[in-house]
Amino acid sequence: MIARSLWFSLTALVAAIPLRATAALPPAAADFIKNHCAECHDADTKKGDLDLTSLPFDLDAQKTFNTWIKVHDRVRDGEMPPKKKARPDAK
């Protein structure tokens, strides 16, 4: 049931975003990454071998889509950012 709800939410989000082969990251997501992720997940640091500052927002590419799902799930579940870092409000 939770998986179906998550899938529906993700599908609705994807449907609401006009997709192009190299779609830009939505501004709110770009700000979130800059403020909460880029310190550890940029081209220089690349913790977990993940550079969110250069990850394309190409949701048609299955591997990239799966990475964005994983990022979403880790933030939603409170795993990221780590507890010792500034955390975003639950909204």
PDB file of N, CA and C in Angstrom:
ATOM      1  N   MET A   1       0.824  -1.197   0.000  1.00  0.00           N
ATOM      2  CA  MET A   1       0.000   0.000   0.000  1.00  0.00           C
ATOM      3  C   MET A   1       0.870   1.265   0.000  1.00  0.00           C
ATOM      4  N   ILE A   2       1.905   1.278   0.839  1.00  0.00           N
ATOM      5  CA  ILE A   2       2.794   2.436   0.894  1.00  0.00           C
ATOM      6  C   ILE A   2       3.541   2.574  -0.425  1.00  0.00           C
ATOM      7  N   ALA A   3       3.990   1.436  -0.968  1.00  0.00           N
ATOM      8  CA  ALA A   3       4.708   1.479  -2.247  1.00  0.00           C
ATOM      9  C   ALA A   3       3.808   2.032  -3.341  1.00  0.00           C
ATOM     10  N   ARG A   4       2.540   1.622  -3.351  1.00  0.00           N
ATOM     11  CA  ARG A   4       1.607   2.112  -4.366  1.00  0.00           C
ATOM     12  C   ARG A   4       1.383   3.612  -4.206  1.00  0.00           C
ATOM     13  N   SER A   5       1.257   4.067  -2.960  1.00  0.00           N
ATOM     14  CA  SER A   5       1.073   5.491  -2.687  1.00  0.00           C
ATOM     15  C   SER A   5       2.295   6.296  -3.132  1.00  0.00           C
ATOM     16  N   LEU A   6       3.495   5.783  -2.811  1.00  0.00           N
ATOM     17  CA  LEU A   6       4.721   6.452  -3.233  1.00  0.00           C
ATOM     18  C   LEU A   6       4.817   6.498  -4.747  1.00  0.00           C
ATOM     19  N   TRP A   7       4.515   5.384  -5.392  1.00  0.00           N
ATOM     20  CA  TRP A   7       4.568   5.322  -6.855  1.00  0.00           C
ATOM     21  C   TRP A   7       3.606   6.334  -7.467  1.00  0.00           C
ATOM     22  N   PHE A   8       2.383   6.411  -6.920  1.00  0.00           N
ATOM     23  CA  PHE A   8       1.391   7.357  -7.427  1.00  0.00           C
ATOM     24  C   PHE A   8       1.905   8.792  -7.266  1.00  0.00           C
ATOM     25  N   SER A   9       2.461   9.109  -6.090  1.00  0.00           N
ATOM     26  CA  SER A   9       2.974  10.456  -5.841  1.00  0.00           C
ATOM     27  C   SER A   9       4.105  10.803  -6.793  1.00  0.00           C
ATOM     28  N   LEU A  10       5.037   9.867  -6.968  1.00  0.00           N
ATOM     29  CA  LEU A  10       6.169  10.097  -7.857  1.00  0.00           C
ATOM     30  C   LEU A  10       5.706  10.245  -9.299  1.00  0.00           C
ATOM     31  N   THR A  11       4.759   9.420  -9.708  1.00  0.00           N
ATOM     32  CA  THR A  11       4.220   9.502 -11.062  1.00  0.00           C
ATOM     33  C   THR A  11       3.542  10.849 -11.297  1.00  0.00           C
ATOM     34  N   ALA A  12       2.786  11.311 -10.312  1.00  0.00           N
ATOM     35  CA  ALA A  12       2.123  12.612 -10.435  1.00  0.00           C
ATOM     36  C   ALA A  12       3.147  13.737 -10.531  1.00  0.00           C
ATOM     37  N   LEU A  13       4.203  13.658  -9.747  1.00  0.00           N
ATOM     38  CA  LEU A  13       5.259  14.669  -9.800  1.00  0.00           C
ATOM     39  C   LEU A  13       5.924  14.687 -11.167  1.00  0.00           C
ATOM     40  N   VAL A  14       6.270  13.519 -11.654  1.00  0.00           N
ATOM     41  CA  VAL A  14       6.934  13.421 -12.957  1.00  0.00           C
ATOM     42  C   VAL A  14       6.015  13.936 -14.060  1.00  0.00           C
ATOM     43  N   ALA A  15       4.745  13.609 -13.992  1.00  0.00           N
ATOM     44  CA  ALA A  15       3.797  14.051 -15.015  1.00  0.00           C
ATOM     45  C   ALA A  15       3.633  15.569 -15.012  1.00  0.00           C
ATOM     46  N   ALA A  16       3.834  16.183 -13.849  1.00  0.00           N
ATOM     47  CA  ALA A  16       3.654  17.633 -13.746  1.00  0.00           C
ATOM     48  C   ALA A  16       4.855  18.412 -14.257  1.00  0.00           C
ATOM     49  N   ILE A  17       5.963  17.751 -14.454  1.00  0.00           N
ATOM     50  CA  ILE A  17       7.194  18.425 -14.884  1.00  0.00           C
ATOM     51  C   ILE A  17       7.379  18.217 -16.380  1.00  0.00           C
ATOM     52  N   PRO A  18       7.453  19.291 -17.164  1.00  0.00           N
ATOM     53  CA  PRO A  18       7.710  19.106 -18.585  1.00  0.00           C
ATOM     54  C   PRO A  18       9.099  18.505 -18.783  1.00  0.00           C
ATOM     55  N   LEU A  19       9.160  17.361 -19.426  1.00  0.00           N
ATOM     56  CA  LEU A  19      10.429  16.676 -19.602  1.00  0.00           C
ATOM     57  C   LEU A  19      11.054  16.986 -20.943  1.00  0.00           C
ATOM     58  N   ARG A  20      12.365  17.150 -20.913  1.00  0.00           N
ATOM     59  CA  ARG A  20      13.179  17.275 -22.113  1.00  0.00           C
ATOM     60  C   ARG A  20      14.345  16.334 -21.913  1.00  0.00           C
ATOM     61  N   ALA A  21      15.072  16.067 -22.922  1.00  0.00           N
ATOM     62  CA  ALA A  21      16.195  15.135 -22.815  1.00  0.00           C
ATOM     63  C   ALA A  21      17.174  15.575 -21.737  1.00  0.00           C
ATOM     64  N   THR A  22      17.400  16.873 -21.607  1.00  0.00           N
ATOM     65  CA  THR A  22      18.305  17.373 -20.580  1.00  0.00           C
ATOM     66  C   THR A  22      17.590  18.409 -19.732  1.00  0.00           C
ATOM     67  N   ALA A  23      16.449  18.030 -19.180  1.00  0.00           N
ATOM     68  CA  ALA A  23      15.651  18.949 -18.375  1.00  0.00           C
ATOM     69  C   ALA A  23      16.468  19.466 -17.195  1.00  0.00           C
ATOM     70  N   ALA A  24      16.292  20.743 -16.898  1.00  0.00           N
ATOM     71  CA  ALA A  24      16.981  21.354 -15.759  1.00  0.00           C
ATOM     72  C   ALA A  24      16.295  20.919 -14.471  1.00  0.00           C
ATOM     73  N   LEU A  25      17.061  20.837 -13.431  1.00  0.00           N
ATOM     74  CA  LEU A  25      16.522  20.521 -12.120  1.00  0.00           C
ATOM     75  C   LEU A  25      15.553  21.632 -11.724  1.00  0.00           C
ATOM     76  N   PRO A  26      14.362  21.283 -11.224  1.00  0.00           N
ATOM     77  CA  PRO A  26      13.424  22.325 -10.797  1.00  0.00           C
ATOM     78  C   PRO A  26      14.093  23.237  -9.763  1.00  0.00           C
ATOM     79  N   PRO A  27      13.801  24.536  -9.808  1.00  0.00           N
ATOM     80  CA  PRO A  27      14.478  25.498  -8.924  1.00  0.00           C
ATOM     81  C   PRO A  27      14.409  25.137  -7.441  1.00  0.00           C
ATOM     82  N   ALA A  28      13.265  24.688  -6.950  1.00  0.00           N
ATOM     83  CA  ALA A  28      13.156  24.339  -5.528  1.00  0.00           C
ATOM     84  C   ALA A  28      14.081  23.179  -5.178  1.00  0.00           C
ATOM     85  N   ALA A  29      14.198  22.218  -6.077  1.00  0.00           N
ATOM     86  CA  ALA A  29      15.088  21.073  -5.849  1.00  0.00           C
ATOM     87  C   ALA A  29      16.548  21.524  -5.901  1.00  0.00           C
ATOM     88  N   ALA A  30      16.871  22.403  -6.836  1.00  0.00           N
ATOM     89  CA  ALA A  30      18.241  22.917  -6.936  1.00  0.00           C
ATOM     90  C   ALA A  30      18.631  23.664  -5.665  1.00  0.00           C
ATOM     91  N   ASP A  31      17.719  24.472  -5.134  1.00  0.00           N
ATOM     92  CA  ASP A  31      17.982  25.193  -3.885  1.00  0.00           C
ATOM     93  C   ASP A  31      18.169  24.222  -2.722  1.00  0.00           C
ATOM     94  N   PHE A  32      17.321  23.194  -2.675  1.00  0.00           N
ATOM     95  CA  PHE A  32      17.420  22.195  -1.608  1.00  0.00           C
ATOM     96  C   PHE A  32      18.782  21.517  -1.650  1.00  0.00           C
ATOM     97  N   ILE A  33      19.209  21.105  -2.832  1.00  0.00           N
ATOM     98  CA  ILE A  33      20.497  20.424  -2.973  1.00  0.00           C
ATOM     99  C   ILE A  33      21.641  21.357  -2.586  1.00  0.00           C
ATOM    100  N   LYS A  34      21.554  22.605  -3.025  1.00  0.00           N
ATOM    101  CA  LYS A  34      22.594  23.582  -2.680  1.00  0.00           C
ATOM    102  C   LYS A  34      22.686  23.765  -1.165  1.00  0.00           C
ATOM    103  N   ASN A  35      21.535  23.839  -0.487  1.00  0.00           N
ATOM    104  CA  ASN A  35      21.502  24.128   0.940  1.00  0.00           C
ATOM    105  C   ASN A  35      21.708  22.914   1.846  1.00  0.00           C
ATOM    106  N   HIS A  36      21.402  21.711   1.348  1.00  0.00           N
ATOM    107  CA  HIS A  36      21.408  20.547   2.234  1.00  0.00           C
ATOM    108  C   HIS A  36      22.260  19.369   1.760  1.00  0.00           C
ATOM    109  N   CYS A  37      22.727  19.385   0.517  1.00  0.00           N
ATOM    110  CA  CYS A  37      23.390  18.194  -0.023  1.00  0.00           C
ATOM    111  C   CYS A  37      24.780  18.452  -0.608  1.00  0.00           C
ATOM    112  N   ALA A  38      24.943  19.609  -1.233  1.00  0.00           N
ATOM    113  CA  ALA A  38      26.143  19.857  -2.043  1.00  0.00           C
ATOM    114  C   ALA A  38      27.441  19.864  -1.245  1.00  0.00           C
ATOM    115  N   GLU A  39      27.377  20.142   0.035  1.00  0.00           N
ATOM    116  CA  GLU A  39      28.605  20.149   0.834  1.00  0.00           C
ATOM    117  C   GLU A  39      29.292  18.779   0.792  1.00  0.00           C
ATOM    118  N   CYS A  40      28.505  17.720   0.732  1.00  0.00           N
ATOM    119  CA  CYS A  40      29.064  16.355   0.710  1.00  0.00           C
ATOM    120  C   CYS A  40      28.925  15.673  -0.651  1.00  0.00           C
ATOM    121  N   HIS A  41      27.942  16.092  -1.432  1.00  0.00           N
ATOM    122  CA  HIS A  41      27.658  15.407  -2.697  1.00  0.00           C
ATOM    123  C   HIS A  41      27.853  16.343  -3.889  1.00  0.00           C
ATOM    124  N   ASP A  42      29.075  16.904  -3.974  1.00  0.00           N
ATOM    125  CA  ASP A  42      29.434  17.753  -5.113  1.00  0.00           C
ATOM    126  C   ASP A  42      30.568  17.080  -5.878  1.00  0.00           C
ATOM    127  N   ALA A  43      31.064  17.735  -6.892  1.00  0.00           N
ATOM    128  CA  ALA A  43      32.107  17.148  -7.751  1.00  0.00           C
ATOM    129  C   ALA A  43      33.405  16.891  -6.997  1.00  0.00           C
ATOM    130  N   ASP A  44      33.694  17.691  -5.985  1.00  0.00           N
ATOM    131  CA  ASP A  44      34.945  17.523  -5.238  1.00  0.00           C
ATOM    132  C   ASP A  44      34.857  16.427  -4.170  1.00  0.00           C
ATOM    133  N   THR A  45      33.806  16.461  -3.366  1.00  0.00           N
ATOM    134  CA  THR A  45      33.688  15.546  -2.237  1.00  0.00           C
ATOM    135  C   THR A  45      33.091  14.196  -2.640  1.00  0.00           C
ATOM    136  N   LYS A  46      31.982  14.251  -3.340  1.00  0.00           N
ATOM    137  CA  LYS A  46      31.344  13.056  -3.927  1.00  0.00           C
ATOM    138  C   LYS A  46      31.190  11.894  -2.944  1.00  0.00           C
ATOM    139  N   LYS A  47      30.713  12.189  -1.727  1.00  0.00           N
ATOM    140  CA  LYS A  47      30.505  11.118  -0.741  1.00  0.00           C
ATOM    141  C   LYS A  47      29.539  10.093  -1.318  1.00  0.00           C
ATOM    142  N   GLY A  48      29.801   8.838  -1.037  1.00  0.00           N
ATOM    143  CA  GLY A  48      28.964   7.764  -1.569  1.00  0.00           C
ATOM    144  C   GLY A  48      29.026   7.680  -3.078  1.00  0.00           C
ATOM    145  N   ASP A  49      30.073   8.287  -3.657  1.00  0.00           N
ATOM    146  CA  ASP A  49      30.241   8.336  -5.116  1.00  0.00           C
ATOM    147  C   ASP A  49      29.038   8.993  -5.798  1.00  0.00           C
ATOM    148  N   LEU A  50      28.483  10.021  -5.129  1.00  0.00           N
ATOM    149  CA  LEU A  50      27.298  10.699  -5.645  1.00  0.00           C
ATOM    150  C   LEU A  50      27.545  12.200  -5.726  1.00  0.00           C
ATOM    151  N   ASP A  51      27.475  12.732  -6.930  1.00  0.00           N
ATOM    152  CA  ASP A  51      27.594  14.171  -7.171  1.00  0.00           C
ATOM    153  C   ASP A  51      26.234  14.683  -7.628  1.00  0.00           C
ATOM    154  N   LEU A  52      25.481  15.245  -6.701  1.00  0.00           N
ATOM    155  CA  LEU A  52      24.150  15.752  -7.028  1.00  0.00           C
ATOM    156  C   LEU A  52      24.194  17.061  -7.798  1.00  0.00           C
ATOM    157  N   THR A  53      25.339  17.743  -7.780  1.00  0.00           N
ATOM    158  CA  THR A  53      25.435  19.011  -8.491  1.00  0.00           C
ATOM    159  C   THR A  53      25.552  18.811  -9.997  1.00  0.00           C
ATOM    160  N   SER A  54      25.899  17.611 -10.419  1.00  0.00           N
ATOM    161  CA  SER A  54      25.998  17.368 -11.860  1.00  0.00           C
ATOM    162  C   SER A  54      25.079  16.239 -12.337  1.00  0.00           C
ATOM    163  N   LEU A  55      24.299  15.661 -11.426  1.00  0.00           N
ATOM    164  CA  LEU A  55      23.366  14.601 -11.824  1.00  0.00           C
ATOM    165  C   LEU A  55      22.276  15.212 -12.689  1.00  0.00           C
ATOM    166  N   PRO A  56      22.138  14.751 -13.926  1.00  0.00           N
ATOM    167  CA  PRO A  56      21.122  15.342 -14.798  1.00  0.00           C
ATOM    168  C   PRO A  56      19.716  15.027 -14.298  1.00  0.00           C
ATOM    169  N   PHE A  57      18.798  15.873 -14.648  1.00  0.00           N
ATOM    170  CA  PHE A  57      17.390  15.633 -14.306  1.00  0.00           C
ATOM    171  C   PHE A  57      16.700  15.031 -15.522  1.00  0.00           C
ATOM    172  N   ASP A  58      17.271  13.959 -16.006  1.00  0.00           N
ATOM    173  CA  ASP A  58      16.748  13.252 -17.168  1.00  0.00           C
ATOM    174  C   ASP A  58      15.986  12.038 -16.665  1.00  0.00           C
ATOM    175  N   LEU A  59      14.700  12.214 -16.407  1.00  0.00           N
ATOM    176  CA  LEU A  59      13.898  11.149 -15.825  1.00  0.00           C
ATOM    177  C   LEU A  59      13.517  10.079 -16.840  1.00  0.00           C
ATOM    178  N   ASP A  60      13.876  10.290 -18.095  1.00  0.00           N
ATOM    179  CA  ASP A  60      13.659   9.257 -19.115  1.00  0.00           C
ATOM    180  C   ASP A  60      14.761   8.201 -19.065  1.00  0.00           C
ATOM    181  N   ALA A  61      15.897   8.542 -18.488  1.00  0.00           N
ATOM    182  CA  ALA A  61      17.009   7.606 -18.362  1.00  0.00           C
ATOM    183  C   ALA A  61      16.784   6.801 -17.075  1.00  0.00           C
ATOM    184  N   GLN A  62      16.567   5.512 -17.208  1.00  0.00           N
ATOM    185  CA  GLN A  62      16.183   4.673 -16.073  1.00  0.00           C
ATOM    186  C   GLN A  62      17.171   4.758 -14.905  1.00  0.00           C
ATOM    187  N   LYS A  63      18.463   4.718 -15.186  1.00  0.00           N
ATOM    188  CA  LYS A  63      19.470   4.762 -14.119  1.00  0.00           C
ATOM    189  C   LYS A  63      19.398   6.093 -13.358  1.00  0.00           C
ATOM    190  N   THR A  64      19.260   7.182 -14.090  1.00  0.00           N
ATOM    191  CA  THR A  64      19.167   8.505 -13.463  1.00  0.00           C
ATOM    192  C   THR A  64      17.873   8.621 -12.662  1.00  0.00           C
ATOM    193  N   PHE A  65      16.789   8.144 -13.239  1.00  0.00           N
ATOM    194  CA  PHE A  65      15.490   8.148 -12.556  1.00  0.00           C
ATOM    195  C   PHE A  65      15.599   7.381 -11.238  1.00  0.00           C
ATOM    196  N   ASN A  66      16.224   6.208 -11.273  1.00  0.00           N
ATOM    197  CA  ASN A  66      16.382   5.395 -10.062  1.00  0.00           C
ATOM    198  C   ASN A  66      17.230   6.110  -9.016  1.00  0.00           C
ATOM    199  N   THR A  67      18.243   6.848  -9.458  1.00  0.00           N
ATOM    200  CA  THR A  67      19.074   7.600  -8.513  1.00  0.00           C
ATOM    201  C   THR A  67      18.256   8.689  -7.841  1.00  0.00           C
ATOM    202  N   TRP A  68      17.443   9.416  -8.614  1.00  0.00           N
ATOM    203  CA  TRP A  68      16.609  10.462  -8.019  1.00  0.00           C
ATOM    204  C   TRP A  68      15.589   9.870  -7.053  1.00  0.00           C
ATOM    205  N   ILE A  69      15.062   8.695  -7.351  1.00  0.00           N
ATOM    206  CA  ILE A  69      14.139   8.033  -6.421  1.00  0.00           C
ATOM    207  C   ILE A  69      14.866   7.726  -5.115  1.00  0.00           C
ATOM    208  N   LYS A  70      16.083   7.206  -5.210  1.00  0.00           N
ATOM    209  CA  LYS A  70      16.862   6.866  -4.022  1.00  0.00           C
ATOM    210  C   LYS A  70      17.147   8.127  -3.194  1.00  0.00           C
ATOM    211  N   VAL A  71      17.497   9.221  -3.871  1.00  0.00           N
ATOM    212  CA  VAL A  71      17.745  10.486  -3.162  1.00  0.00           C
ATOM    213  C   VAL A  71      16.479  10.917  -2.433  1.00  0.00           C
ATOM    214  N   HIS A  72      15.362  10.893  -3.130  1.00  0.00           N
ATOM    215  CA  HIS A  72      14.073  11.259  -2.534  1.00  0.00           C
ATOM    216  C   HIS A  72      13.782  10.398  -1.300  1.00  0.00           C
ATOM    217  N   ASP A  73      13.950   9.099  -1.442  1.00  0.00           N
ATOM    218  CA  ASP A  73      13.627   8.184  -0.353  1.00  0.00           C
ATOM    219  C   ASP A  73      14.524   8.411   0.862  1.00  0.00           C
ATOM    220  N   ARG A  74      15.795   8.672   0.636  1.00  0.00           N
ATOM    221  CA  ARG A  74      16.724   8.893   1.760  1.00  0.00           C
ATOM    222  C   ARG A  74      16.364  10.182   2.512  1.00  0.00           C
ATOM    223  N   VAL A  75      15.974  11.221   1.776  1.00  0.00           N
ATOM    224  CA  VAL A  75      15.567  12.477   2.429  1.00  0.00           C
ATOM    225  C   VAL A  75      14.242  12.268   3.148  1.00  0.00           C
ATOM    226  N   ARG A  76      13.280  11.642   2.488  1.00  0.00           N
ATOM    227  CA  ARG A  76      11.963  11.401   3.078  1.00  0.00           C
ATOM    228  C   ARG A  76      12.066  10.597   4.367  1.00  0.00           C
ATOM    229  N   ASP A  77      12.958   9.598   4.373  1.00  0.00           N
ATOM    230  CA  ASP A  77      13.094   8.719   5.527  1.00  0.00           C
ATOM    231  C   ASP A  77      13.986   9.295   6.624  1.00  0.00           C
ATOM    232  N   GLY A  78      14.511  10.501   6.406  1.00  0.00           N
ATOM    233  CA  GLY A  78      15.336  11.160   7.408  1.00  0.00           C
ATOM    234  C   GLY A  78      16.763  10.642   7.480  1.00  0.00           C
ATOM    235  N   GLU A  79      17.176   9.858   6.489  1.00  0.00           N
ATOM    236  CA  GLU A  79      18.550   9.344   6.470  1.00  0.00           C
ATOM    237  C   GLU A  79      19.532  10.408   5.995  1.00  0.00           C
ATOM    238  N   MET A  80      19.061  11.323   5.183  1.00  0.00           N
ATOM    239  CA  MET A  80      19.878  12.402   4.654  1.00  0.00           C
ATOM    240  C   MET A  80      19.101  13.697   4.829  1.00  0.00           C
ATOM    241  N   PRO A  81      19.759  14.783   5.051  1.00  0.00           N
ATOM    242  CA  PRO A  81      21.146  14.903   5.444  1.00  0.00           C
ATOM    243  C   PRO A  81      21.370  14.181   6.772  1.00  0.00           C
ATOM    244  N   PRO A  82      22.633  13.838   7.060  1.00  0.00           N
ATOM    245  CA  PRO A  82      22.929  13.139   8.317  1.00  0.00           C
ATOM    246  C   PRO A  82      22.488  13.970   9.518  1.00  0.00           C
ATOM    247  N   LYS A  83      22.194  13.287  10.602  1.00  0.00           N
ATOM    248  CA  LYS A  83      21.670  13.959  11.806  1.00  0.00           C
ATOM    249  C   LYS A  83      22.591  15.057  12.337  1.00  0.00           C
ATOM    250  N   LYS A  84      23.895  14.946  12.114  1.00  0.00           N
ATOM    251  CA  LYS A  84      24.809  15.981  12.623  1.00  0.00           C
ATOM    252  C   LYS A  84      24.893  17.209  11.714  1.00  0.00           C
ATOM    253  N   LYS A  85      24.199  17.199  10.591  1.00  0.00           N
ATOM    254  CA  LYS A  85      24.163  18.346   9.668  1.00  0.00           C
ATOM    255  C   LYS A  85      22.846  19.097   9.850  1.00  0.00           C
ATOM    256  N   ALA A  86      22.803  20.325   9.338  1.00  0.00           N
ATOM    257  CA  ALA A  86      21.563  21.095   9.375  1.00  0.00           C
ATOM    258  C   ALA A  86      20.481  20.339   8.611  1.00  0.00           C
ATOM    259  N   ARG A  87      19.347  20.164   9.252  1.00  0.00           N
ATOM    260  CA  ARG A  87      18.276  19.370   8.651  1.00  0.00           C
ATOM    261  C   ARG A  87      17.168  20.292   8.157  1.00  0.00           C
ATOM    262  N   PRO A  88      16.589  19.931   7.008  1.00  0.00           N
ATOM    263  CA  PRO A  88      15.458  20.734   6.510  1.00  0.00           C
ATOM    264  C   PRO A  88      14.219  20.486   7.358  1.00  0.00           C
ATOM    265  N   ASP A  89      13.315  21.401   7.322  1.00  0.00           N
ATOM    266  CA  ASP A  89      12.062  21.196   8.037  1.00  0.00           C
ATOM    267  C   ASP A  89      11.284  20.091   7.312  1.00  0.00           C
ATOM    268  N   ALA A  90      10.454  19.392   8.010  1.00  0.00           N
ATOM    269  CA  ALA A  90       9.786  18.193   7.489  1.00  0.00           C
ATOM    270  C   ALA A  90       8.943  18.452   6.244  1.00  0.00           C
ATOM    271  N   LYS A  91       8.540  19.685   5.998  1.00  0.00           N
ATOM    272  CA  LYS A  91       7.761  19.982   4.794  1.00  0.00           C
ATOM    273  C   LYS A  91       8.585  19.687   3.589  1.00  0.00           C
TER     274      LYS A  91
END
